[in-house]
């Protein structure tokens, strides 16, 4: 899989068309992976926490997966994304 660079931008004022938006609130940037392969954009986000309580250890895990097909005529090299 090809992983593109992840731009940490809060405002995207480019003239490019927006293909999709995804809410990754609660995930650290390092927990989000974007891959572009075989005409699709795949976004994976995984978060895991471990807490020790009086009753023992508690684990919290959440993940999100989203896959979007690129529109006809859009090259994988043209895809950019920001977080």
N, C-alpha and C. Protein backbone atom coordinates (compact mmCIF):
# COMPACT_ATOMS: atom_id res chain seq x y z
N UNK A 1 0.84 -1.19 0.00
CA UNK A 1 0.00 0.00 0.00
C UNK A 1 0.88 1.24 0.00
N UNK A 2 0.35 2.27 -0.56
CA UNK A 2 1.06 3.53 -0.64
C UNK A 2 0.49 4.48 0.39
N UNK A 3 1.34 4.96 1.27
CA UNK A 3 0.86 5.91 2.27
C UNK A 3 1.34 7.30 1.86
N UNK A 4 0.41 8.19 1.72
CA UNK A 4 0.72 9.58 1.36
C UNK A 4 1.06 10.38 2.61
N UNK A 5 1.69 11.48 2.43
CA UNK A 5 2.04 12.32 3.57
C UNK A 5 0.78 12.90 4.17
N UNK A 6 0.81 13.11 5.46
CA UNK A 6 -0.35 13.62 6.19
C UNK A 6 -0.08 15.06 6.57
N UNK A 7 -0.85 15.96 5.99
CA UNK A 7 -0.69 17.38 6.29
C UNK A 7 -1.55 17.75 7.48
N UNK A 8 -0.97 18.38 8.45
CA UNK A 8 -1.73 18.82 9.62
C UNK A 8 -2.19 20.25 9.39
N UNK A 9 -3.30 20.37 8.71
CA UNK A 9 -3.83 21.68 8.36
C UNK A 9 -5.24 21.78 8.90
N UNK A 10 -5.56 22.89 9.53
CA UNK A 10 -6.91 23.06 10.04
C UNK A 10 -7.82 23.71 9.01
N UNK A 11 -7.23 24.41 8.03
CA UNK A 11 -8.04 25.09 7.02
C UNK A 11 -7.53 24.70 5.65
N UNK A 12 -8.38 24.10 4.86
CA UNK A 12 -8.01 23.70 3.51
C UNK A 12 -8.73 24.61 2.53
N UNK A 13 -8.04 25.63 2.05
CA UNK A 13 -8.66 26.59 1.16
C UNK A 13 -8.14 26.41 -0.26
N UNK A 14 -7.97 25.17 -0.69
CA UNK A 14 -7.48 24.87 -2.02
C UNK A 14 -8.65 24.87 -2.99
N UNK A 15 -8.33 24.89 -4.27
CA UNK A 15 -9.36 24.84 -5.30
C UNK A 15 -9.72 23.40 -5.65
N UNK A 16 -9.18 22.45 -4.96
CA UNK A 16 -9.45 21.04 -5.25
C UNK A 16 -10.84 20.66 -4.79
N UNK A 17 -11.38 19.63 -5.41
CA UNK A 17 -12.70 19.14 -5.02
C UNK A 17 -12.57 18.22 -3.81
N UNK A 18 -13.52 18.33 -2.91
CA UNK A 18 -13.56 17.50 -1.72
C UNK A 18 -14.27 16.20 -2.04
N UNK A 19 -13.59 15.09 -1.87
CA UNK A 19 -14.18 13.77 -2.12
C UNK A 19 -14.94 13.28 -0.91
N UNK A 20 -14.36 13.48 0.29
CA UNK A 20 -15.01 12.99 1.50
C UNK A 20 -14.45 13.71 2.71
N UNK A 21 -15.23 13.66 3.78
CA UNK A 21 -14.81 14.20 5.07
C UNK A 21 -15.09 13.13 6.11
N UNK A 22 -14.22 13.03 7.10
CA UNK A 22 -14.38 11.99 8.11
C UNK A 22 -14.05 12.57 9.49
N UNK A 23 -14.90 12.32 10.46
CA UNK A 23 -14.69 12.81 11.81
C UNK A 23 -13.77 11.84 12.56
N UNK A 24 -12.57 12.28 12.90
CA UNK A 24 -11.62 11.46 13.66
C UNK A 24 -11.35 12.08 15.03
N UNK A 25 -12.35 12.78 15.56
CA UNK A 25 -12.23 13.36 16.89
C UNK A 25 -11.98 12.24 17.90
N UNK A 26 -11.04 12.44 18.80
CA UNK A 26 -10.72 11.42 19.79
C UNK A 26 -9.54 10.55 19.39
N UNK A 27 -9.02 10.75 18.19
CA UNK A 27 -7.85 10.01 17.73
C UNK A 27 -6.67 10.97 17.62
N UNK A 28 -5.49 10.49 17.96
CA UNK A 28 -4.27 11.26 17.77
C UNK A 28 -3.87 11.16 16.30
N UNK A 29 -3.17 12.17 15.75
CA UNK A 29 -2.75 12.08 14.35
C UNK A 29 -1.96 10.81 14.04
N UNK A 30 -1.16 10.33 14.98
CA UNK A 30 -0.37 9.12 14.75
C UNK A 30 -1.24 7.86 14.70
N UNK A 31 -2.49 7.96 15.12
CA UNK A 31 -3.40 6.82 15.12
C UNK A 31 -4.24 6.73 13.84
N UNK A 32 -4.05 7.70 12.94
CA UNK A 32 -4.82 7.76 11.70
C UNK A 32 -3.90 7.43 10.53
N UNK A 33 -4.32 6.48 9.69
CA UNK A 33 -3.56 6.08 8.51
C UNK A 33 -4.44 6.26 7.28
N UNK A 34 -3.88 6.86 6.23
CA UNK A 34 -4.59 7.02 4.97
C UNK A 34 -3.77 6.32 3.90
N UNK A 35 -4.43 5.43 3.15
CA UNK A 35 -3.77 4.69 2.07
C UNK A 35 -4.53 4.92 0.78
N UNK A 36 -3.79 5.03 -0.32
CA UNK A 36 -4.40 5.17 -1.64
C UNK A 36 -3.85 4.03 -2.48
N UNK A 37 -4.76 3.14 -2.91
CA UNK A 37 -4.33 1.97 -3.67
C UNK A 37 -5.51 1.41 -4.45
N UNK A 38 -5.23 0.93 -5.65
CA UNK A 38 -6.24 0.29 -6.49
C UNK A 38 -7.49 1.15 -6.71
N UNK A 39 -7.28 2.46 -6.88
CA UNK A 39 -8.40 3.35 -7.16
C UNK A 39 -9.28 3.67 -5.96
N UNK A 40 -8.78 3.40 -4.76
CA UNK A 40 -9.57 3.66 -3.56
C UNK A 40 -8.73 4.38 -2.52
N UNK A 41 -9.41 5.18 -1.70
CA UNK A 41 -8.78 5.82 -0.55
C UNK A 41 -9.32 5.10 0.68
N UNK A 42 -8.43 4.61 1.52
CA UNK A 42 -8.85 3.90 2.72
C UNK A 42 -8.30 4.65 3.93
N UNK A 43 -9.19 4.94 4.89
CA UNK A 43 -8.81 5.64 6.11
C UNK A 43 -9.02 4.68 7.28
N UNK A 44 -7.97 4.50 8.08
CA UNK A 44 -8.03 3.66 9.26
C UNK A 44 -7.66 4.50 10.47
N UNK A 45 -8.43 4.39 11.54
CA UNK A 45 -8.11 5.09 12.78
C UNK A 45 -8.33 4.10 13.93
N UNK A 46 -7.31 3.94 14.76
CA UNK A 46 -7.40 3.02 15.89
C UNK A 46 -6.87 3.69 17.14
N UNK A 47 -7.60 3.51 18.24
CA UNK A 47 -7.21 4.10 19.53
C UNK A 47 -7.42 3.06 20.61
N UNK A 48 -6.44 2.92 21.49
CA UNK A 48 -6.53 1.96 22.59
C UNK A 48 -6.02 2.61 23.87
N UNK A 49 -6.74 2.39 24.94
CA UNK A 49 -6.34 2.90 26.26
C UNK A 49 -6.38 1.77 27.27
N UNK A 50 -5.49 1.85 28.24
CA UNK A 50 -5.46 0.89 29.34
C UNK A 50 -5.45 1.67 30.64
N UNK A 51 -6.35 1.34 31.55
CA UNK A 51 -6.43 2.01 32.84
C UNK A 51 -6.42 0.97 33.95
N UNK A 52 -5.71 1.29 35.02
CA UNK A 52 -5.73 0.43 36.20
C UNK A 52 -6.69 1.04 37.20
N UNK A 53 -7.64 0.23 37.63
CA UNK A 53 -8.64 0.68 38.60
C UNK A 53 -8.55 -0.21 39.84
N UNK A 54 -9.38 0.07 40.81
CA UNK A 54 -9.41 -0.75 42.03
C UNK A 54 -9.85 -2.18 41.72
N UNK A 55 -10.61 -2.36 40.64
CA UNK A 55 -11.08 -3.69 40.26
C UNK A 55 -10.14 -4.41 39.31
N UNK A 56 -9.08 -3.75 38.88
CA UNK A 56 -8.14 -4.36 37.94
C UNK A 56 -7.94 -3.46 36.73
N UNK A 57 -7.52 -4.05 35.63
CA UNK A 57 -7.26 -3.28 34.42
C UNK A 57 -8.51 -3.20 33.55
N UNK A 58 -8.69 -2.03 32.97
CA UNK A 58 -9.78 -1.81 32.03
C UNK A 58 -9.16 -1.37 30.70
N UNK A 59 -9.71 -1.88 29.62
CA UNK A 59 -9.22 -1.55 28.30
C UNK A 59 -10.33 -0.87 27.51
N UNK A 60 -9.94 0.13 26.74
CA UNK A 60 -10.87 0.85 25.89
C UNK A 60 -10.28 0.85 24.49
N UNK A 61 -11.06 0.39 23.51
CA UNK A 61 -10.57 0.31 22.14
C UNK A 61 -11.65 0.82 21.20
N UNK A 62 -11.26 1.64 20.23
CA UNK A 62 -12.19 2.07 19.20
C UNK A 62 -11.45 2.16 17.87
N UNK A 63 -12.17 1.88 16.80
CA UNK A 63 -11.57 2.02 15.49
C UNK A 63 -12.62 2.45 14.48
N UNK A 64 -12.14 3.06 13.42
CA UNK A 64 -12.98 3.50 12.31
C UNK A 64 -12.27 3.08 11.03
N UNK A 65 -13.03 2.59 10.08
CA UNK A 65 -12.50 2.27 8.76
C UNK A 65 -13.47 2.85 7.74
N UNK A 66 -12.92 3.54 6.76
CA UNK A 66 -13.75 4.09 5.69
C UNK A 66 -12.99 3.90 4.38
N UNK A 67 -13.69 3.44 3.36
CA UNK A 67 -13.08 3.24 2.05
C UNK A 67 -13.91 3.96 1.01
N UNK A 68 -13.25 4.75 0.17
CA UNK A 68 -13.93 5.57 -0.82
C UNK A 68 -13.30 5.30 -2.18
N UNK A 69 -14.12 5.03 -3.18
CA UNK A 69 -13.62 4.85 -4.54
C UNK A 69 -13.33 6.21 -5.16
N UNK A 70 -12.21 6.29 -5.86
CA UNK A 70 -11.88 7.54 -6.55
C UNK A 70 -12.81 7.70 -7.76
N UNK A 71 -13.22 8.92 -8.05
CA UNK A 71 -14.06 9.15 -9.24
C UNK A 71 -13.29 8.82 -10.51
N UNK A 72 -13.99 8.47 -11.58
CA UNK A 72 -13.30 8.18 -12.85
C UNK A 72 -12.44 9.36 -13.28
N UNK A 73 -11.26 9.06 -13.76
CA UNK A 73 -10.36 10.10 -14.25
C UNK A 73 -9.45 10.70 -13.19
N UNK A 74 -9.62 10.34 -11.93
CA UNK A 74 -8.77 10.86 -10.87
C UNK A 74 -7.63 9.87 -10.61
N UNK A 75 -6.41 10.35 -10.75
CA UNK A 75 -5.23 9.53 -10.53
C UNK A 75 -4.91 9.44 -9.04
N UNK A 76 -4.38 8.30 -8.63
CA UNK A 76 -3.98 8.14 -7.23
C UNK A 76 -2.94 9.18 -6.82
N UNK A 77 -2.11 9.61 -7.76
CA UNK A 77 -1.08 10.61 -7.46
C UNK A 77 -1.66 12.00 -7.20
N UNK A 78 -2.90 12.24 -7.59
CA UNK A 78 -3.55 13.53 -7.39
C UNK A 78 -4.19 13.66 -6.01
N UNK A 79 -4.30 12.57 -5.28
CA UNK A 79 -5.01 12.58 -4.00
C UNK A 79 -4.16 13.25 -2.92
N UNK A 80 -4.77 14.21 -2.24
CA UNK A 80 -4.14 14.83 -1.07
C UNK A 80 -5.15 14.79 0.06
N UNK A 81 -4.66 14.89 1.28
CA UNK A 81 -5.55 14.88 2.42
C UNK A 81 -4.92 15.66 3.55
N UNK A 82 -5.75 16.06 4.49
CA UNK A 82 -5.28 16.82 5.64
C UNK A 82 -6.03 16.36 6.88
N UNK A 83 -5.44 16.64 8.02
CA UNK A 83 -6.05 16.25 9.29
C UNK A 83 -6.24 17.48 10.12
